[in-house]
């Protein structure tokens, strides 16, 4: 399966590379787009769970790395969920 890295900028200005085991992330995010934190989190949960299920369908087990990435995203989003002005920007994709 083709892997993808998507680079994000958190509301505090820090940047991070996030992992997806499939290109499905492109169906949920647009590079250059900023999303309210709760929207970004919901989209990330949908995309990474879908990616993990694609791995399960192909190999018989979920992708622990995708699920770990989702946990990391949840932790990064948590401090900003109560701030309606806070956004997460998706900067780029690379495979």
PDB file of N, CA and C in Angstrom:
ATOM      1  N   UNK A   1       0.850  -1.181   0.000  1.00  0.00           N
ATOM      2  CA  UNK A   1       0.000   0.000   0.000  1.00  0.00           C
ATOM      3  C   UNK A   1       0.893   1.240   0.000  1.00  0.00           C
ATOM      4  N   UNK A   2       0.513   2.240  -0.753  1.00  0.00           N
ATOM      5  CA  UNK A   2       1.307   3.473  -0.739  1.00  0.00           C
ATOM      6  C   UNK A   2       1.074   4.261   0.552  1.00  0.00           C
ATOM      7  N   UNK A   3       2.149   4.593   1.202  1.00  0.00           N
ATOM      8  CA  UNK A   3       2.071   5.390   2.425  1.00  0.00           C
ATOM      9  C   UNK A   3       2.056   6.870   2.067  1.00  0.00           C
ATOM     10  N   UNK A   4       1.585   7.678   3.003  1.00  0.00           N
ATOM     11  CA  UNK A   4       1.578   9.119   2.795  1.00  0.00           C
ATOM     12  C   UNK A   4       1.922   9.825   4.091  1.00  0.00           C
ATOM     13  N   UNK A   5       2.699  10.877   3.959  1.00  0.00           N
ATOM     14  CA  UNK A   5       2.982  11.783   5.070  1.00  0.00           C
ATOM     15  C   UNK A   5       2.235  13.079   4.774  1.00  0.00           C
ATOM     16  N   UNK A   6       1.504  13.567   5.766  1.00  0.00           N
ATOM     17  CA  UNK A   6       0.862  14.872   5.605  1.00  0.00           C
ATOM     18  C   UNK A   6       1.388  15.790   6.707  1.00  0.00           C
ATOM     19  N   UNK A   7       1.865  16.943   6.275  1.00  0.00           N
ATOM     20  CA  UNK A   7       2.466  17.911   7.198  1.00  0.00           C
ATOM     21  C   UNK A   7       1.392  18.887   7.644  1.00  0.00           C
ATOM     22  N   UNK A   8       1.348  19.124   8.963  1.00  0.00           N
ATOM     23  CA  UNK A   8       0.347  20.030   9.530  1.00  0.00           C
ATOM     24  C   UNK A   8       1.017  21.103  10.389  1.00  0.00           C
ATOM     25  N   UNK A   9       0.297  22.202  10.516  1.00  0.00           N
ATOM     26  CA  UNK A   9       0.708  23.261  11.447  1.00  0.00           C
ATOM     27  C   UNK A   9      -0.383  23.370  12.503  1.00  0.00           C
ATOM     28  N   UNK A  10       0.013  23.168  13.765  1.00  0.00           N
ATOM     29  CA  UNK A  10      -0.911  23.230  14.887  1.00  0.00           C
ATOM     30  C   UNK A  10      -1.227  24.684  15.219  1.00  0.00           C
ATOM     31  N   UNK A  11      -2.260  24.930  15.994  1.00  0.00           N
ATOM     32  CA  UNK A  11      -2.634  26.305  16.338  1.00  0.00           C
ATOM     33  C   UNK A  11      -1.532  27.109  17.024  1.00  0.00           C
ATOM     34  N   UNK A  12      -0.597  26.442  17.691  1.00  0.00           N
ATOM     35  CA  UNK A  12       0.492  27.163  18.365  1.00  0.00           C
ATOM     36  C   UNK A  12       1.659  27.471  17.421  1.00  0.00           C
ATOM     37  N   UNK A  13       1.518  27.111  16.142  1.00  0.00           N
ATOM     38  CA  UNK A  13       2.544  27.416  15.149  1.00  0.00           C
ATOM     39  C   UNK A  13       3.547  26.301  14.902  1.00  0.00           C
ATOM     40  N   UNK A  14       3.562  25.284  15.739  1.00  0.00           N
ATOM     41  CA  UNK A  14       4.495  24.177  15.515  1.00  0.00           C
ATOM     42  C   UNK A  14       3.993  23.332  14.341  1.00  0.00           C
ATOM     43  N   UNK A  15       4.932  22.678  13.693  1.00  0.00           N
ATOM     44  CA  UNK A  15       4.604  21.821  12.566  1.00  0.00           C
ATOM     45  C   UNK A  15       4.987  20.384  12.869  1.00  0.00           C
ATOM     46  N   UNK A  16       4.279  19.458  12.232  1.00  0.00           N
ATOM     47  CA  UNK A  16       4.547  18.037  12.448  1.00  0.00           C
ATOM     48  C   UNK A  16       4.209  17.257  11.194  1.00  0.00           C
ATOM     49  N   UNK A  17       4.926  16.156  11.011  1.00  0.00           N
ATOM     50  CA  UNK A  17       4.606  15.199   9.965  1.00  0.00           C
ATOM     51  C   UNK A  17       3.716  14.125  10.564  1.00  0.00           C
ATOM     52  N   UNK A  18       2.631  13.817   9.863  1.00  0.00           N
ATOM     53  CA  UNK A  18       1.698  12.784  10.296  1.00  0.00           C
ATOM     54  C   UNK A  18       1.682  11.671   9.254  1.00  0.00           C
ATOM     55  N   UNK A  19       1.469  10.449   9.709  1.00  0.00           N
ATOM     56  CA  UNK A  19       1.555   9.260   8.869  1.00  0.00           C
ATOM     57  C   UNK A  19       0.180   8.697   8.527  1.00  0.00           C
ATOM     58  N   UNK A  20       0.030   8.262   7.292  1.00  0.00           N
ATOM     59  CA  UNK A  20      -1.129   7.482   6.878  1.00  0.00           C
ATOM     60  C   UNK A  20      -0.628   6.299   6.053  1.00  0.00           C
ATOM     61  N   UNK A  21      -1.165   5.093   6.295  1.00  0.00           N
ATOM     62  CA  UNK A  21      -0.713   3.935   5.540  1.00  0.00           C
ATOM     63  C   UNK A  21      -1.313   3.853   4.134  1.00  0.00           C
ATOM     64  N   UNK A  22      -2.159   4.808   3.785  1.00  0.00           N
ATOM     65  CA  UNK A  22      -2.727   4.813   2.442  1.00  0.00           C
ATOM     66  C   UNK A  22      -2.949   6.253   1.984  1.00  0.00           C
ATOM     67  N   UNK A  23      -3.281   6.388   0.716  1.00  0.00           N
ATOM     68  CA  UNK A  23      -3.504   7.715   0.141  1.00  0.00           C
ATOM     69  C   UNK A  23      -4.892   8.266   0.465  1.00  0.00           C
ATOM     70  N   UNK A  24      -5.669   7.537   1.252  1.00  0.00           N
ATOM     71  CA  UNK A  24      -7.025   7.953   1.585  1.00  0.00           C
ATOM     72  C   UNK A  24      -7.049   9.342   2.227  1.00  0.00           C
ATOM     73  N   UNK A  25      -5.977   9.747   2.817  1.00  0.00           N
ATOM     74  CA  UNK A  25      -5.910  11.057   3.475  1.00  0.00           C
ATOM     75  C   UNK A  25      -6.241  12.178   2.491  1.00  0.00           C
ATOM     76  N   UNK A  26      -5.908  11.953   1.217  1.00  0.00           N
ATOM     77  CA  UNK A  26      -6.181  12.955   0.179  1.00  0.00           C
ATOM     78  C   UNK A  26      -7.674  13.142  -0.063  1.00  0.00           C
ATOM     79  N   UNK A  27      -8.478  12.183   0.335  1.00  0.00           N
ATOM     80  CA  UNK A  27      -9.926  12.291   0.176  1.00  0.00           C
ATOM     81  C   UNK A  27     -10.554  13.140   1.283  1.00  0.00           C
ATOM     82  N   UNK A  28      -9.783  13.433   2.318  1.00  0.00           N
ATOM     83  CA  UNK A  28     -10.333  14.126   3.480  1.00  0.00           C
ATOM     84  C   UNK A  28      -9.727  15.503   3.732  1.00  0.00           C
ATOM     85  N   UNK A  29      -8.537  15.743   3.216  1.00  0.00           N
ATOM     86  CA  UNK A  29      -7.854  17.019   3.441  1.00  0.00           C
ATOM     87  C   UNK A  29      -7.355  17.614   2.132  1.00  0.00           C
ATOM     88  N   UNK A  30      -7.203  18.936   2.140  1.00  0.00           N
ATOM     89  CA  UNK A  30      -6.680  19.666   0.991  1.00  0.00           C
ATOM     90  C   UNK A  30      -5.443  20.431   1.457  1.00  0.00           C
ATOM     91  N   UNK A  31      -4.300  20.249   0.797  1.00  0.00           N
ATOM     92  CA  UNK A  31      -3.107  21.025   1.166  1.00  0.00           C
ATOM     93  C   UNK A  31      -3.386  22.529   1.040  1.00  0.00           C
ATOM     94  N   UNK A  32      -2.902  23.266   2.020  1.00  0.00           N
ATOM     95  CA  UNK A  32      -3.118  24.709   2.036  1.00  0.00           C
ATOM     96  C   UNK A  32      -4.382  25.125   2.752  1.00  0.00           C
ATOM     97  N   UNK A  33      -5.187  24.172   3.157  1.00  0.00           N
ATOM     98  CA  UNK A  33      -6.460  24.451   3.826  1.00  0.00           C
ATOM     99  C   UNK A  33      -6.278  24.424   5.342  1.00  0.00           C
ATOM    100  N   UNK A  34      -6.912  25.378   6.017  1.00  0.00           N
ATOM    101  CA  UNK A  34      -6.947  25.399   7.477  1.00  0.00           C
ATOM    102  C   UNK A  34      -8.325  24.922   7.925  1.00  0.00           C
ATOM    103  N   UNK A  35      -8.334  24.100   8.972  1.00  0.00           N
ATOM    104  CA  UNK A  35      -9.568  23.522   9.493  1.00  0.00           C
ATOM    105  C   UNK A  35      -9.714  23.870  10.968  1.00  0.00           C
ATOM    106  N   UNK A  36     -10.929  24.185  11.421  1.00  0.00           N
ATOM    107  CA  UNK A  36     -11.129  24.303  12.863  1.00  0.00           C
ATOM    108  C   UNK A  36     -10.644  23.003  13.517  1.00  0.00           C
ATOM    109  N   UNK A  37     -10.110  23.111  14.708  1.00  0.00           N
ATOM    110  CA  UNK A  37      -9.498  21.952  15.361  1.00  0.00           C
ATOM    111  C   UNK A  37     -10.461  20.766  15.429  1.00  0.00           C
ATOM    112  N   UNK A  38     -11.696  20.988  15.819  1.00  0.00           N
ATOM    113  CA  UNK A  38     -12.636  19.866  15.933  1.00  0.00           C
ATOM    114  C   UNK A  38     -12.917  19.241  14.568  1.00  0.00           C
ATOM    115  N   UNK A  39     -12.989  20.042  13.528  1.00  0.00           N
ATOM    116  CA  UNK A  39     -13.193  19.519  12.178  1.00  0.00           C
ATOM    117  C   UNK A  39     -11.987  18.705  11.735  1.00  0.00           C
ATOM    118  N   UNK A  40     -10.792  19.243  11.983  1.00  0.00           N
ATOM    119  CA  UNK A  40      -9.573  18.512  11.632  1.00  0.00           C
ATOM    120  C   UNK A  40      -9.541  17.163  12.354  1.00  0.00           C
ATOM    121  N   UNK A  41      -9.845  17.169  13.638  1.00  0.00           N
ATOM    122  CA  UNK A  41      -9.824  15.932  14.418  1.00  0.00           C
ATOM    123  C   UNK A  41     -10.834  14.918  13.877  1.00  0.00           C
ATOM    124  N   UNK A  42     -12.040  15.358  13.583  1.00  0.00           N
ATOM    125  CA  UNK A  42     -13.057  14.454  13.038  1.00  0.00           C
ATOM    126  C   UNK A  42     -12.616  13.867  11.702  1.00  0.00           C
ATOM    127  N   UNK A  43     -12.064  14.704  10.839  1.00  0.00           N
ATOM    128  CA  UNK A  43     -11.593  14.231   9.535  1.00  0.00           C
ATOM    129  C   UNK A  43     -10.421  13.263   9.701  1.00  0.00           C
ATOM    130  N   UNK A  44      -9.511  13.570  10.615  1.00  0.00           N
ATOM    131  CA  UNK A  44      -8.365  12.688  10.854  1.00  0.00           C
ATOM    132  C   UNK A  44      -8.833  11.339  11.384  1.00  0.00           C
ATOM    133  N   UNK A  45      -9.797  11.340  12.293  1.00  0.00           N
ATOM    134  CA  UNK A  45     -10.324  10.083  12.818  1.00  0.00           C
ATOM    135  C   UNK A  45     -10.940   9.242  11.698  1.00  0.00           C
ATOM    136  N   UNK A  46     -11.736   9.866  10.866  1.00  0.00           N
ATOM    137  CA  UNK A  46     -12.365   9.155   9.752  1.00  0.00           C
ATOM    138  C   UNK A  46     -11.308   8.609   8.797  1.00  0.00           C
ATOM    139  N   UNK A  47     -10.380   9.463   8.390  1.00  0.00           N
ATOM    140  CA  UNK A  47      -9.369   9.074   7.399  1.00  0.00           C
ATOM    141  C   UNK A  47      -8.439   7.983   7.924  1.00  0.00           C
ATOM    142  N   UNK A  48      -7.928   8.146   9.141  1.00  0.00           N
ATOM    143  CA  UNK A  48      -6.967   7.176   9.655  1.00  0.00           C
ATOM    144  C   UNK A  48      -7.629   5.854  10.034  1.00  0.00           C
ATOM    145  N   UNK A  49      -8.863   5.897  10.489  1.00  0.00           N
ATOM    146  CA  UNK A  49      -9.583   4.634  10.730  1.00  0.00           C
ATOM    147  C   UNK A  49      -9.859   3.919   9.408  1.00  0.00           C
ATOM    148  N   UNK A  50     -10.225   4.682   8.386  1.00  0.00           N
ATOM    149  CA  UNK A  50     -10.434   4.092   7.065  1.00  0.00           C
ATOM    150  C   UNK A  50      -9.130   3.494   6.529  1.00  0.00           C
ATOM    151  N   UNK A  51      -8.036   4.219   6.685  1.00  0.00           N
ATOM    152  CA  UNK A  51      -6.732   3.716   6.239  1.00  0.00           C
ATOM    153  C   UNK A  51      -6.365   2.437   6.986  1.00  0.00           C
ATOM    154  N   UNK A  52      -6.586   2.413   8.282  1.00  0.00           N
ATOM    155  CA  UNK A  52      -6.292   1.219   9.073  1.00  0.00           C
ATOM    156  C   UNK A  52      -7.149   0.037   8.630  1.00  0.00           C
ATOM    157  N   UNK A  53      -8.403   0.298   8.302  1.00  0.00           N
ATOM    158  CA  UNK A  53      -9.287  -0.773   7.831  1.00  0.00           C
ATOM    159  C   UNK A  53      -8.851  -1.293   6.462  1.00  0.00           C
ATOM    160  N   UNK A  54      -8.296  -0.431   5.633  1.00  0.00           N
ATOM    161  CA  UNK A  54      -7.749  -0.889   4.345  1.00  0.00           C
ATOM    162  C   UNK A  54      -6.591  -1.857   4.572  1.00  0.00           C
ATOM    163  N   UNK A  55      -5.777  -1.540   5.565  1.00  0.00           N
ATOM    164  CA  UNK A  55      -4.677  -2.454   5.914  1.00  0.00           C
ATOM    165  C   UNK A  55      -5.263  -3.780   6.413  1.00  0.00           C
ATOM    166  N   UNK A  56      -6.283  -3.705   7.265  1.00  0.00           N
ATOM    167  CA  UNK A  56      -6.919  -4.923   7.788  1.00  0.00           C
ATOM    168  C   UNK A  56      -7.472  -5.777   6.644  1.00  0.00           C
ATOM    169  N   UNK A  57      -8.123  -5.142   5.679  1.00  0.00           N
ATOM    170  CA  UNK A  57      -8.696  -5.876   4.549  1.00  0.00           C
ATOM    171  C   UNK A  57      -7.608  -6.571   3.725  1.00  0.00           C
ATOM    172  N   UNK A  58      -6.476  -5.937   3.625  1.00  0.00           N
ATOM    173  CA  UNK A  58      -5.404  -6.508   2.799  1.00  0.00           C
ATOM    174  C   UNK A  58      -4.545  -7.522   3.546  1.00  0.00           C
ATOM    175  N   UNK A  59      -4.220  -7.220   4.821  1.00  0.00           N
ATOM    176  CA  UNK A  59      -3.257  -8.048   5.557  1.00  0.00           C
ATOM    177  C   UNK A  59      -3.844  -8.827   6.729  1.00  0.00           C
ATOM    178  N   UNK A  60      -5.098  -8.546   7.078  1.00  0.00           N
ATOM    179  CA  UNK A  60      -5.743  -9.293   8.143  1.00  0.00           C
ATOM    180  C   UNK A  60      -5.602  -8.695   9.530  1.00  0.00           C
ATOM    181  N   UNK A  61      -4.980  -7.522   9.642  1.00  0.00           N
ATOM    182  CA  UNK A  61      -4.845  -6.849  10.935  1.00  0.00           C
ATOM    183  C   UNK A  61      -4.836  -5.350  10.703  1.00  0.00           C
ATOM    184  N   UNK A  62      -5.308  -4.563  11.696  1.00  0.00           N
ATOM    185  CA  UNK A  62      -5.329  -3.110  11.537  1.00  0.00           C
ATOM    186  C   UNK A  62      -3.915  -2.530  11.573  1.00  0.00           C
ATOM    187  N   UNK A  63      -3.796  -1.316  11.124  1.00  0.00           N
ATOM    188  CA  UNK A  63      -2.491  -0.645  11.112  1.00  0.00           C
ATOM    189  C   UNK A  63      -2.256   0.053  12.453  1.00  0.00           C
ATOM    190  N   UNK A  64      -1.404  -0.517  13.261  1.00  0.00           N
ATOM    191  CA  UNK A  64      -1.136   0.065  14.577  1.00  0.00           C
ATOM    192  C   UNK A  64      -0.463   1.431  14.453  1.00  0.00           C
ATOM    193  N   UNK A  65       0.315   1.637  13.410  1.00  0.00           N
ATOM    194  CA  UNK A  65       0.977   2.930  13.233  1.00  0.00           C
ATOM    195  C   UNK A  65      -0.045   4.037  12.934  1.00  0.00           C
ATOM    196  N   UNK A  66      -1.059   3.728  12.118  1.00  0.00           N
ATOM    197  CA  UNK A  66      -2.114   4.709  11.836  1.00  0.00           C
ATOM    198  C   UNK A  66      -2.903   5.019  13.101  1.00  0.00           C
ATOM    199  N   UNK A  67      -3.212   3.984  13.876  1.00  0.00           N
ATOM    200  CA  UNK A  67      -3.965   4.192  15.116  1.00  0.00           C
ATOM    201  C   UNK A  67      -3.134   4.953  16.141  1.00  0.00           C
ATOM    202  N   UNK A  68      -1.828   4.714  16.155  1.00  0.00           N
ATOM    203  CA  UNK A  68      -0.934   5.481  17.019  1.00  0.00           C
ATOM    204  C   UNK A  68      -0.862   6.935  16.588  1.00  0.00           C
ATOM    205  N   UNK A  69      -0.849   7.161  15.273  1.00  0.00           N
ATOM    206  CA  UNK A  69      -0.843   8.527  14.769  1.00  0.00           C
ATOM    207  C   UNK A  69      -2.124   9.245  15.171  1.00  0.00           C
ATOM    208  N   UNK A  70      -3.238   8.549  15.086  1.00  0.00           N
ATOM    209  CA  UNK A  70      -4.507   9.141  15.495  1.00  0.00           C
ATOM    210  C   UNK A  70      -4.482   9.520  16.972  1.00  0.00           C
ATOM    211  N   UNK A  71      -3.917   8.676  17.805  1.00  0.00           N
ATOM    212  CA  UNK A  71      -3.811   9.004  19.232  1.00  0.00           C
ATOM    213  C   UNK A  71      -2.950  10.246  19.435  1.00  0.00           C
ATOM    214  N   UNK A  72      -1.880  10.348  18.704  1.00  0.00           N
ATOM    215  CA  UNK A  72      -1.013  11.523  18.790  1.00  0.00           C
ATOM    216  C   UNK A  72      -1.751  12.790  18.342  1.00  0.00           C
ATOM    217  N   UNK A  73      -2.536  12.677  17.285  1.00  0.00           N
ATOM    218  CA  UNK A  73      -3.324  13.819  16.806  1.00  0.00           C
ATOM    219  C   UNK A  73      -4.342  14.228  17.865  1.00  0.00           C
ATOM    220  N   UNK A  74      -4.999  13.257  18.478  1.00  0.00           N
ATOM    221  CA  UNK A  74      -5.958  13.581  19.553  1.00  0.00           C
ATOM    222  C   UNK A  74      -5.285  14.370  20.675  1.00  0.00           C
ATOM    223  N   UNK A  75      -4.097  13.928  21.070  1.00  0.00           N
ATOM    224  CA  UNK A  75      -3.370  14.616  22.141  1.00  0.00           C
ATOM    225  C   UNK A  75      -2.957  16.027  21.726  1.00  0.00           C
ATOM    226  N   UNK A  76      -2.545  16.186  20.482  1.00  0.00           N
ATOM    227  CA  UNK A  76      -2.129  17.504  19.998  1.00  0.00           C
ATOM    228  C   UNK A  76      -3.309  18.465  19.878  1.00  0.00           C
ATOM    229  N   UNK A  77      -4.482  17.938  19.541  1.00  0.00           N
ATOM    230  CA  UNK A  77      -5.669  18.777  19.391  1.00  0.00           C
ATOM    231  C   UNK A  77      -6.305  19.159  20.722  1.00  0.00           C
ATOM    232  N   UNK A  78      -6.172  18.321  21.726  1.00  0.00           N
ATOM    233  CA  UNK A  78      -6.886  18.489  22.996  1.00  0.00           C
ATOM    234  C   UNK A  78      -6.774  19.888  23.607  1.00  0.00           C
ATOM    235  N   UNK A  79      -5.573  20.496  23.671  1.00  0.00           N
ATOM    236  CA  UNK A  79      -5.489  21.807  24.319  1.00  0.00           C
ATOM    237  C   UNK A  79      -6.216  22.923  23.566  1.00  0.00           C
ATOM    238  N   UNK A  80      -6.591  22.675  22.311  1.00  0.00           N
ATOM    239  CA  UNK A  80      -7.165  23.727  21.476  1.00  0.00           C
ATOM    240  C   UNK A  80      -8.643  23.531  21.177  1.00  0.00           C
ATOM    241  N   UNK A  81      -9.234  22.447  21.653  1.00  0.00           N
ATOM    242  CA  UNK A  81     -10.617  22.139  21.302  1.00  0.00           C
ATOM    243  C   UNK A  81     -11.619  23.174  21.803  1.00  0.00           C
ATOM    244  N   UNK A  82     -11.317  23.853  22.873  1.00  0.00           N
ATOM    245  CA  UNK A  82     -12.240  24.845  23.430  1.00  0.00           C
ATOM    246  C   UNK A  82     -12.016  26.245  22.842  1.00  0.00           C
ATOM    247  N   UNK A  83     -11.076  26.357  21.925  1.00  0.00           N
ATOM    248  CA  UNK A  83     -10.802  27.661  21.295  1.00  0.00           C
ATOM    249  C   UNK A  83     -11.426  27.687  19.905  1.00  0.00           C
ATOM    250  N   UNK A  84     -12.545  28.396  19.732  1.00  0.00           N
ATOM    251  CA  UNK A  84     -13.241  28.379  18.447  1.00  0.00           C
ATOM    252  C   UNK A  84     -12.434  28.982  17.298  1.00  0.00           C
ATOM    253  N   UNK A  85     -11.450  29.818  17.609  1.00  0.00           N
ATOM    254  CA  UNK A  85     -10.636  30.457  16.569  1.00  0.00           C
ATOM    255  C   UNK A  85      -9.432  29.610  16.162  1.00  0.00           C
ATOM    256  N   UNK A  86      -9.155  28.540  16.875  1.00  0.00           N
ATOM    257  CA  UNK A  86      -7.967  27.727  16.624  1.00  0.00           C
ATOM    258  C   UNK A  86      -8.166  26.844  15.383  1.00  0.00           C
ATOM    259  N   UNK A  87      -7.138  26.816  14.543  1.00  0.00           N
ATOM    260  CA  UNK A  87      -7.195  25.994  13.336  1.00  0.00           C
ATOM    261  C   UNK A  87      -5.926  25.153  13.200  1.00  0.00           C
ATOM    262  N   UNK A  88      -6.080  24.077  12.446  1.00  0.00           N
ATOM    263  CA  UNK A  88      -4.953  23.230  12.049  1.00  0.00           C
ATOM    264  C   UNK A  88      -4.846  23.356  10.532  1.00  0.00           C
ATOM    265  N   UNK A  89      -3.667  23.686  10.053  1.00  0.00           N
ATOM    266  CA  UNK A  89      -3.448  23.813   8.608  1.00  0.00           C
ATOM    267  C   UNK A  89      -2.787  22.551   8.090  1.00  0.00           C
ATOM    268  N   UNK A  90      -3.308  22.043   6.996  1.00  0.00           N
ATOM    269  CA  UNK A  90      -2.656  20.934   6.290  1.00  0.00           C
ATOM    270  C   UNK A  90      -1.748  21.594   5.257  1.00  0.00           C
ATOM    271  N   UNK A  91      -0.450  21.416   5.442  1.00  0.00           N
ATOM    272  CA  UNK A  91       0.520  22.122   4.606  1.00  0.00           C
ATOM    273  C   UNK A  91       0.851  21.398   3.313  1.00  0.00           C
ATOM    274  N   UNK A  92       1.041  20.070   3.396  1.00  0.00           N
ATOM    275  CA  UNK A  92       1.470  19.336   2.216  1.00  0.00           C
ATOM    276  C   UNK A  92       1.255  17.848   2.393  1.00  0.00           C
ATOM    277  N   UNK A  93       1.327  17.149   1.271  1.00  0.00           N
ATOM    278  CA  UNK A  93       1.326  15.685   1.228  1.00  0.00           C
ATOM    279  C   UNK A  93       2.622  15.242   0.565  1.00  0.00           C
ATOM    280  N   UNK A  94       3.133  14.114   1.000  1.00  0.00           N
ATOM    281  CA  UNK A  94       4.219  13.474   0.264  1.00  0.00           C
ATOM    282  C   UNK A  94       4.116  11.965   0.460  1.00  0.00           C
ATOM    283  N   UNK A  95       4.462  11.266  -0.597  1.00  0.00           N
ATOM    284  CA  UNK A  95       4.383   9.806  -0.501  1.00  0.00           C
ATOM    285  C   UNK A  95       5.757   9.207  -0.613  1.00  0.00           C
TER     286      UNK A  95
END
